[in-house]
Amino acid sequence: MIHCDTTKKLIYISMKLIRLTPDNVRYYTDYQILFKSRGKYIVKTILESSKSGKSIKINHPDLQNSLQIVSREVYVILDSDKYDD
């Protein structure tokens, strides 16, 4: 999970990310995602995906709780312990 720094200091966080696509979205329900909206990075959880795989449902009223993944870069945050070599 990412924590915001209230003092506005730069924090470097190493995360394993994978780009969310219509082909792989069905595998990542309940995973956290990282995307940019209104110039800020946001972390949310995928609640469900559409049948077409082109959009996902998230809890973010500013985007009407829906995010189009084909029109923006959306990354899945992978559990680094699970995927470390």
N, C-alpha and C. Protein backbone atom coordinates (compact mmCIF):
# COMPACT_ATOMS: atom_id res chain seq x y z
N MET A 1 0.84 -1.18 0.00
CA MET A 1 0.00 0.00 0.00
C MET A 1 0.88 1.24 0.00
N ILE A 2 0.38 2.31 -0.59
CA ILE A 2 1.11 3.56 -0.66
C ILE A 2 0.52 4.53 0.36
N HIS A 3 1.39 5.18 1.12
CA HIS A 3 0.94 6.17 2.09
C HIS A 3 1.35 7.56 1.60
N CYS A 4 0.46 8.52 1.75
CA CYS A 4 0.76 9.89 1.34
C CYS A 4 1.63 10.57 2.39
N ASP A 5 2.56 11.37 1.94
CA ASP A 5 3.42 12.15 2.82
C ASP A 5 2.82 13.54 2.93
N THR A 6 2.32 13.91 4.09
CA THR A 6 1.65 15.19 4.26
C THR A 6 2.60 16.38 4.19
N THR A 7 3.90 16.13 4.28
CA THR A 7 4.86 17.24 4.21
C THR A 7 5.28 17.52 2.77
N LYS A 8 4.71 16.80 1.81
CA LYS A 8 4.99 16.98 0.38
C LYS A 8 6.43 16.68 0.00
N LYS A 9 7.10 15.84 0.78
CA LYS A 9 8.46 15.42 0.43
C LYS A 9 8.38 14.30 -0.60
N LEU A 10 9.39 14.24 -1.43
CA LEU A 10 9.45 13.19 -2.44
C LEU A 10 9.79 11.87 -1.78
N ILE A 11 9.00 10.86 -2.07
CA ILE A 11 9.24 9.52 -1.53
C ILE A 11 9.37 8.56 -2.71
N TYR A 12 10.42 7.77 -2.71
CA TYR A 12 10.62 6.78 -3.75
C TYR A 12 10.13 5.44 -3.23
N ILE A 13 9.20 4.87 -3.95
CA ILE A 13 8.66 3.57 -3.57
C ILE A 13 8.87 2.62 -4.74
N SER A 14 9.49 1.51 -4.46
CA SER A 14 9.70 0.51 -5.49
C SER A 14 8.53 -0.46 -5.48
N MET A 15 7.84 -0.55 -6.62
CA MET A 15 6.69 -1.45 -6.73
C MET A 15 6.82 -2.26 -8.01
N LYS A 16 6.26 -3.44 -7.99
CA LYS A 16 6.17 -4.24 -9.21
C LYS A 16 4.80 -3.95 -9.82
N LEU A 17 4.82 -3.47 -11.07
CA LEU A 17 3.60 -3.07 -11.75
C LEU A 17 3.45 -3.84 -13.05
N ILE A 18 2.20 -4.06 -13.44
CA ILE A 18 1.90 -4.64 -14.75
C ILE A 18 0.79 -3.81 -15.36
N ARG A 19 0.88 -3.52 -16.63
CA ARG A 19 -0.13 -2.71 -17.32
C ARG A 19 -1.42 -3.51 -17.45
N LEU A 20 -2.52 -2.89 -17.08
CA LEU A 20 -3.83 -3.51 -17.18
C LEU A 20 -4.33 -3.38 -18.61
N THR A 21 -4.78 -4.48 -19.19
CA THR A 21 -5.30 -4.50 -20.56
C THR A 21 -6.64 -5.23 -20.58
N PRO A 22 -7.41 -5.07 -21.67
CA PRO A 22 -8.66 -5.83 -21.77
C PRO A 22 -8.43 -7.34 -21.75
N ASP A 23 -7.24 -7.79 -22.15
CA ASP A 23 -6.95 -9.23 -22.16
C ASP A 23 -6.64 -9.79 -20.78
N ASN A 24 -6.05 -8.98 -19.89
CA ASN A 24 -5.65 -9.53 -18.58
C ASN A 24 -6.49 -9.03 -17.42
N VAL A 25 -7.41 -8.12 -17.65
CA VAL A 25 -8.15 -7.49 -16.55
C VAL A 25 -8.93 -8.50 -15.70
N ARG A 26 -9.43 -9.55 -16.29
CA ARG A 26 -10.25 -10.51 -15.53
C ARG A 26 -9.45 -11.26 -14.45
N TYR A 27 -8.13 -11.24 -14.55
CA TYR A 27 -7.29 -11.92 -13.56
C TYR A 27 -7.00 -11.07 -12.32
N TYR A 28 -7.36 -9.79 -12.35
CA TYR A 28 -6.90 -8.89 -11.30
C TYR A 28 -8.02 -8.25 -10.46
N THR A 29 -9.19 -8.86 -10.42
CA THR A 29 -10.25 -8.39 -9.52
C THR A 29 -9.73 -8.46 -8.09
N ASP A 30 -10.01 -7.44 -7.31
CA ASP A 30 -9.59 -7.30 -5.90
C ASP A 30 -8.12 -6.89 -5.75
N TYR A 31 -7.41 -6.66 -6.82
CA TYR A 31 -6.04 -6.14 -6.75
C TYR A 31 -6.08 -4.61 -6.71
N GLN A 32 -5.04 -4.02 -6.16
CA GLN A 32 -4.91 -2.57 -6.17
C GLN A 32 -4.32 -2.13 -7.50
N ILE A 33 -4.76 -0.96 -7.96
CA ILE A 33 -4.27 -0.39 -9.20
C ILE A 33 -3.73 1.01 -8.96
N LEU A 34 -2.89 1.45 -9.86
CA LEU A 34 -2.32 2.79 -9.83
C LEU A 34 -2.64 3.46 -11.15
N PHE A 35 -3.23 4.66 -11.07
CA PHE A 35 -3.52 5.43 -12.27
C PHE A 35 -3.47 6.91 -11.93
N LYS A 36 -3.44 7.73 -12.98
CA LYS A 36 -3.35 9.16 -12.78
C LYS A 36 -4.67 9.80 -13.19
N SER A 37 -5.17 10.71 -12.34
CA SER A 37 -6.40 11.44 -12.62
C SER A 37 -6.25 12.86 -12.10
N ARG A 38 -6.53 13.85 -12.93
CA ARG A 38 -6.41 15.26 -12.57
C ARG A 38 -5.00 15.60 -12.07
N GLY A 39 -4.00 14.95 -12.65
CA GLY A 39 -2.62 15.26 -12.33
C GLY A 39 -2.06 14.58 -11.09
N LYS A 40 -2.85 13.74 -10.44
CA LYS A 40 -2.40 13.05 -9.23
C LYS A 40 -2.50 11.54 -9.41
N TYR A 41 -1.53 10.83 -8.81
CA TYR A 41 -1.60 9.38 -8.83
C TYR A 41 -2.58 8.91 -7.76
N ILE A 42 -3.38 7.92 -8.12
CA ILE A 42 -4.43 7.40 -7.24
C ILE A 42 -4.29 5.89 -7.17
N VAL A 43 -4.50 5.33 -5.99
CA VAL A 43 -4.50 3.89 -5.79
C VAL A 43 -5.91 3.47 -5.37
N LYS A 44 -6.47 2.54 -6.10
CA LYS A 44 -7.80 2.01 -5.81
C LYS A 44 -7.79 0.51 -6.02
N THR A 45 -8.87 -0.15 -5.61
CA THR A 45 -9.01 -1.58 -5.77
C THR A 45 -10.02 -1.88 -6.86
N ILE A 46 -9.71 -2.85 -7.72
CA ILE A 46 -10.65 -3.26 -8.77
C ILE A 46 -11.78 -4.05 -8.12
N LEU A 47 -13.00 -3.59 -8.28
CA LEU A 47 -14.16 -4.28 -7.73
C LEU A 47 -14.71 -5.32 -8.71
N GLU A 48 -14.74 -4.95 -9.99
CA GLU A 48 -15.16 -5.89 -11.04
C GLU A 48 -14.76 -5.30 -12.39
N SER A 49 -14.82 -6.13 -13.42
CA SER A 49 -14.52 -5.65 -14.77
C SER A 49 -15.73 -5.88 -15.67
N SER A 50 -15.80 -5.09 -16.73
CA SER A 50 -16.90 -5.23 -17.68
C SER A 50 -16.70 -6.50 -18.51
N LYS A 51 -17.75 -6.94 -19.18
CA LYS A 51 -17.66 -8.13 -20.02
C LYS A 51 -16.66 -7.93 -21.16
N SER A 52 -16.60 -6.71 -21.70
CA SER A 52 -15.68 -6.42 -22.79
C SER A 52 -14.24 -6.31 -22.31
N GLY A 53 -14.06 -6.05 -21.01
CA GLY A 53 -12.72 -5.88 -20.44
C GLY A 53 -12.15 -4.49 -20.65
N LYS A 54 -12.95 -3.57 -21.17
CA LYS A 54 -12.46 -2.23 -21.46
C LYS A 54 -12.65 -1.25 -20.32
N SER A 55 -13.39 -1.63 -19.31
CA SER A 55 -13.58 -0.76 -18.15
C SER A 55 -13.65 -1.58 -16.88
N ILE A 56 -13.36 -0.90 -15.76
CA ILE A 56 -13.42 -1.56 -14.46
C ILE A 56 -14.25 -0.71 -13.51
N LYS A 57 -14.80 -1.37 -12.50
CA LYS A 57 -15.54 -0.68 -11.46
C LYS A 57 -14.62 -0.48 -10.27
N ILE A 58 -14.54 0.76 -9.79
CA ILE A 58 -13.74 1.10 -8.62
C ILE A 58 -14.56 2.01 -7.73
N ASN A 59 -14.14 2.22 -6.51
CA ASN A 59 -14.82 3.14 -5.62
C ASN A 59 -14.15 4.50 -5.74
N HIS A 60 -14.61 5.30 -6.70
CA HIS A 60 -14.05 6.63 -6.94
C HIS A 60 -15.14 7.50 -7.58
N PRO A 61 -15.97 8.16 -6.75
CA PRO A 61 -17.11 8.93 -7.27
C PRO A 61 -16.73 10.00 -8.30
N ASP A 62 -15.54 10.57 -8.21
CA ASP A 62 -15.12 11.60 -9.16
C ASP A 62 -15.11 11.07 -10.59
N LEU A 63 -14.92 9.77 -10.76
CA LEU A 63 -14.94 9.13 -12.08
C LEU A 63 -16.20 8.26 -12.26
N GLN A 64 -17.24 8.56 -11.50
CA GLN A 64 -18.50 7.80 -11.53
C GLN A 64 -18.27 6.31 -11.27
N ASN A 65 -17.28 6.02 -10.44
CA ASN A 65 -16.95 4.64 -10.03
C ASN A 65 -16.61 3.71 -11.19
N SER A 66 -16.23 4.28 -12.31
CA SER A 66 -15.88 3.49 -13.48
C SER A 66 -14.61 4.07 -14.11
N LEU A 67 -13.76 3.20 -14.58
CA LEU A 67 -12.49 3.63 -15.17
C LEU A 67 -12.30 2.91 -16.50
N GLN A 68 -12.14 3.67 -17.57
CA GLN A 68 -11.86 3.11 -18.89
C GLN A 68 -10.37 2.78 -18.96
N ILE A 69 -10.03 1.53 -19.15
CA ILE A 69 -8.62 1.16 -19.12
C ILE A 69 -7.96 1.25 -20.49
N VAL A 70 -8.73 1.42 -21.55
CA VAL A 70 -8.14 1.52 -22.88
C VAL A 70 -7.73 2.96 -23.20
N SER A 71 -8.26 3.93 -22.48
CA SER A 71 -7.96 5.32 -22.78
C SER A 71 -6.96 5.95 -21.80
N ARG A 72 -6.45 5.19 -20.85
CA ARG A 72 -5.45 5.70 -19.92
C ARG A 72 -4.56 4.56 -19.46
N GLU A 73 -3.43 4.93 -18.89
CA GLU A 73 -2.50 3.93 -18.38
C GLU A 73 -2.92 3.55 -16.96
N VAL A 74 -3.24 2.29 -16.78
CA VAL A 74 -3.64 1.75 -15.48
C VAL A 74 -2.71 0.58 -15.19
N TYR A 75 -2.12 0.57 -14.00
CA TYR A 75 -1.17 -0.47 -13.62
C TYR A 75 -1.67 -1.23 -12.40
N VAL A 76 -1.50 -2.54 -12.42
CA VAL A 76 -1.82 -3.39 -11.27
C VAL A 76 -0.58 -3.42 -10.38
N ILE A 77 -0.79 -3.22 -9.08
CA ILE A 77 0.30 -3.29 -8.11
C ILE A 77 0.40 -4.74 -7.64
N LEU A 78 1.50 -5.37 -7.97
CA LEU A 78 1.70 -6.77 -7.60
C LEU A 78 2.37 -6.87 -6.24
N ASP A 79 2.04 -7.91 -5.52
CA ASP A 79 2.64 -8.18 -4.23
C ASP A 79 4.10 -8.57 -4.46
N SER A 80 5.02 -7.71 -4.07
CA SER A 80 6.43 -7.93 -4.39
C SER A 80 6.97 -9.22 -3.78
N ASP A 81 6.49 -9.62 -2.62
CA ASP A 81 6.97 -10.86 -1.99
C ASP A 81 6.62 -12.07 -2.86
N LYS A 82 5.46 -12.02 -3.52
CA LYS A 82 4.98 -13.13 -4.32
C LYS A 82 5.80 -13.32 -5.59
N TYR A 83 6.31 -12.22 -6.15
CA TYR A 83 6.94 -12.27 -7.45
C TYR A 83 8.44 -12.02 -7.44
N ASP A 84 9.03 -11.92 -6.27
CA ASP A 84 10.49 -11.73 -6.19
C ASP A 84 11.19 -13.00 -6.66
N ASP A 85 12.28 -12.80 -7.36
CA ASP A 85 13.06 -13.95 -7.85
C ASP A 85 13.99 -14.47 -6.79
